[in-house]
Amino acid sequence: MDLNSLRQFLVVARLEHLSHAADELHVAQPSLSRTIARLESELRTP
């Protein structure tokens, strides 16, 4: 887990939409999805 992943998670949580968060973060949506999936795996929670 790194700070960038947590920052991205916060944007997703705030916007409640992966595509909108990806646009705001200027990253590809599949990349953001993988980041969130990694966090879920590390924290063992969906």
N, C-alpha and C. Protein backbone atom coordinates (compact mmCIF):
# COMPACT_ATOMS: atom_id res chain seq x y z
N MET A 1 0.85 -1.17 0.00
CA MET A 1 0.00 0.00 0.00
C MET A 1 0.90 1.24 0.00
N ASP A 2 0.56 2.18 -0.87
CA ASP A 2 1.34 3.41 -0.90
C ASP A 2 0.39 4.61 -0.87
N LEU A 3 0.95 5.78 -0.66
CA LEU A 3 0.13 6.98 -0.54
C LEU A 3 -0.65 7.30 -1.81
N ASN A 4 -0.07 7.04 -2.98
CA ASN A 4 -0.77 7.31 -4.22
C ASN A 4 -2.01 6.43 -4.35
N SER A 5 -1.91 5.18 -3.96
CA SER A 5 -3.07 4.28 -3.99
C SER A 5 -4.16 4.77 -3.05
N LEU A 6 -3.77 5.22 -1.88
CA LEU A 6 -4.76 5.74 -0.93
C LEU A 6 -5.41 7.02 -1.45
N ARG A 7 -4.62 7.87 -2.09
CA ARG A 7 -5.16 9.10 -2.67
C ARG A 7 -6.17 8.76 -3.76
N GLN A 8 -5.83 7.79 -4.59
CA GLN A 8 -6.75 7.39 -5.64
C GLN A 8 -8.02 6.79 -5.04
N PHE A 9 -7.88 6.00 -4.00
CA PHE A 9 -9.05 5.43 -3.34
C PHE A 9 -9.97 6.54 -2.81
N LEU A 10 -9.39 7.56 -2.22
CA LEU A 10 -10.20 8.65 -1.68
C LEU A 10 -11.00 9.36 -2.77
N VAL A 11 -10.39 9.53 -3.94
CA VAL A 11 -11.11 10.17 -5.05
C VAL A 11 -12.25 9.28 -5.51
N VAL A 12 -12.01 7.98 -5.62
CA VAL A 12 -13.07 7.04 -6.01
C VAL A 12 -14.20 7.08 -4.98
N ALA A 13 -13.86 7.07 -3.70
CA ALA A 13 -14.87 7.10 -2.65
C ALA A 13 -15.68 8.39 -2.70
N ARG A 14 -15.00 9.51 -2.94
CA ARG A 14 -15.69 10.80 -2.99
C ARG A 14 -16.64 10.87 -4.18
N LEU A 15 -16.19 10.41 -5.33
CA LEU A 15 -17.00 10.51 -6.55
C LEU A 15 -17.96 9.34 -6.73
N GLU A 16 -17.67 8.22 -6.05
CA GLU A 16 -18.48 7.01 -6.15
C GLU A 16 -18.65 6.53 -7.59
N HIS A 17 -17.60 6.73 -8.40
CA HIS A 17 -17.66 6.31 -9.80
C HIS A 17 -16.23 6.20 -10.33
N LEU A 18 -15.84 4.99 -10.75
CA LEU A 18 -14.46 4.77 -11.19
C LEU A 18 -14.09 5.60 -12.41
N SER A 19 -14.97 5.68 -13.39
CA SER A 19 -14.63 6.43 -14.61
C SER A 19 -14.43 7.91 -14.33
N HIS A 20 -15.30 8.47 -13.49
CA HIS A 20 -15.16 9.89 -13.16
C HIS A 20 -13.87 10.13 -12.36
N ALA A 21 -13.58 9.21 -11.46
CA ALA A 21 -12.35 9.33 -10.68
C ALA A 21 -11.13 9.23 -11.58
N ALA A 22 -11.16 8.31 -12.53
CA ALA A 22 -10.03 8.16 -13.46
C ALA A 22 -9.83 9.44 -14.25
N ASP A 23 -10.92 10.04 -14.69
CA ASP A 23 -10.82 11.31 -15.43
C ASP A 23 -10.18 12.39 -14.55
N GLU A 24 -10.64 12.50 -13.32
CA GLU A 24 -10.11 13.53 -12.42
C GLU A 24 -8.64 13.30 -12.10
N LEU A 25 -8.25 12.02 -11.97
CA LEU A 25 -6.88 11.68 -11.63
C LEU A 25 -5.95 11.62 -12.85
N HIS A 26 -6.54 11.72 -14.04
CA HIS A 26 -5.78 11.64 -15.29
C HIS A 26 -5.04 10.31 -15.42
N VAL A 27 -5.78 9.23 -15.10
CA VAL A 27 -5.25 7.87 -15.28
C VAL A 27 -6.28 7.06 -16.06
N ALA A 28 -5.84 5.97 -16.66
CA ALA A 28 -6.75 5.08 -17.37
C ALA A 28 -7.64 4.35 -16.36
N GLN A 29 -8.89 4.17 -16.71
CA GLN A 29 -9.83 3.50 -15.81
C GLN A 29 -9.40 2.08 -15.46
N PRO A 30 -8.90 1.27 -16.42
CA PRO A 30 -8.44 -0.07 -16.03
C PRO A 30 -7.29 -0.05 -15.01
N SER A 31 -6.41 0.93 -15.14
CA SER A 31 -5.31 1.06 -14.19
C SER A 31 -5.84 1.40 -12.80
N LEU A 32 -6.79 2.29 -12.74
CA LEU A 32 -7.39 2.66 -11.45
C LEU A 32 -8.13 1.46 -10.85
N SER A 33 -8.83 0.71 -11.67
CA SER A 33 -9.51 -0.49 -11.19
C SER A 33 -8.54 -1.49 -10.58
N ARG A 34 -7.38 -1.66 -11.23
CA ARG A 34 -6.36 -2.58 -10.70
C ARG A 34 -5.82 -2.07 -9.36
N THR A 35 -5.63 -0.76 -9.25
CA THR A 35 -5.15 -0.18 -7.99
C THR A 35 -6.14 -0.46 -6.86
N ILE A 36 -7.41 -0.24 -7.15
CA ILE A 36 -8.45 -0.48 -6.13
C ILE A 36 -8.52 -1.97 -5.79
N ALA A 37 -8.41 -2.83 -6.79
CA ALA A 37 -8.43 -4.27 -6.54
C ALA A 37 -7.25 -4.70 -5.67
N ARG A 38 -6.07 -4.11 -5.91
CA ARG A 38 -4.90 -4.42 -5.08
C ARG A 38 -5.14 -4.00 -3.63
N LEU A 39 -5.71 -2.81 -3.44
CA LEU A 39 -6.00 -2.35 -2.08
C LEU A 39 -6.99 -3.29 -1.40
N GLU A 40 -8.03 -3.70 -2.13
CA GLU A 40 -9.00 -4.62 -1.57
C GLU A 40 -8.33 -5.92 -1.15
N SER A 41 -7.43 -6.40 -1.96
CA SER A 41 -6.71 -7.63 -1.66
C SER A 41 -5.83 -7.47 -0.43
N GLU A 42 -5.08 -6.38 -0.39
CA GLU A 42 -4.19 -6.13 0.75
C GLU A 42 -4.96 -5.96 2.05
N LEU A 43 -6.12 -5.30 1.97
CA LEU A 43 -6.91 -5.05 3.18
C LEU A 43 -7.93 -6.15 3.45
N ARG A 44 -8.01 -7.10 2.51
CA ARG A 44 -8.91 -8.24 2.61
C ARG A 44 -10.37 -7.81 2.83
N THR A 45 -10.78 -6.83 2.01
CA THR A 45 -12.15 -6.36 2.07
C THR A 45 -12.56 -5.80 0.70
N PRO A 46 -13.80 -6.03 0.30
CA PRO A 46 -14.25 -5.47 -0.99
C PRO A 46 -14.57 -3.99 -0.88
